[in-house]
Amino acid sequence: MKVWVDGQRCQGHTLCAMIAPDAFVLNDIDGTSSPVDEVVAAGLEDAVREAAHSCPEQAITIEE
């Protein structure tokens, strides 16, 4: 599974990092998110899916 965050859409709500803290990192300046790694680590898939579905801006894209 792969994950991307659209930097133009992300508004820094931080829900992804709360749901999947091992998969997303927040920018210290504006709070926007980016994946820790494009390839999702084993065991984090369900949390990343939940984060993508919870994003208010629909900024997270996953590829199974």
Foldseek 3Di string as FASTA:
>chain_A
DFKFFAPVQFQQPCQLCVQQVQFWDADPPRNGIGGPDRDDDPPCVVSNVVSCVPRPSNRMDDDD
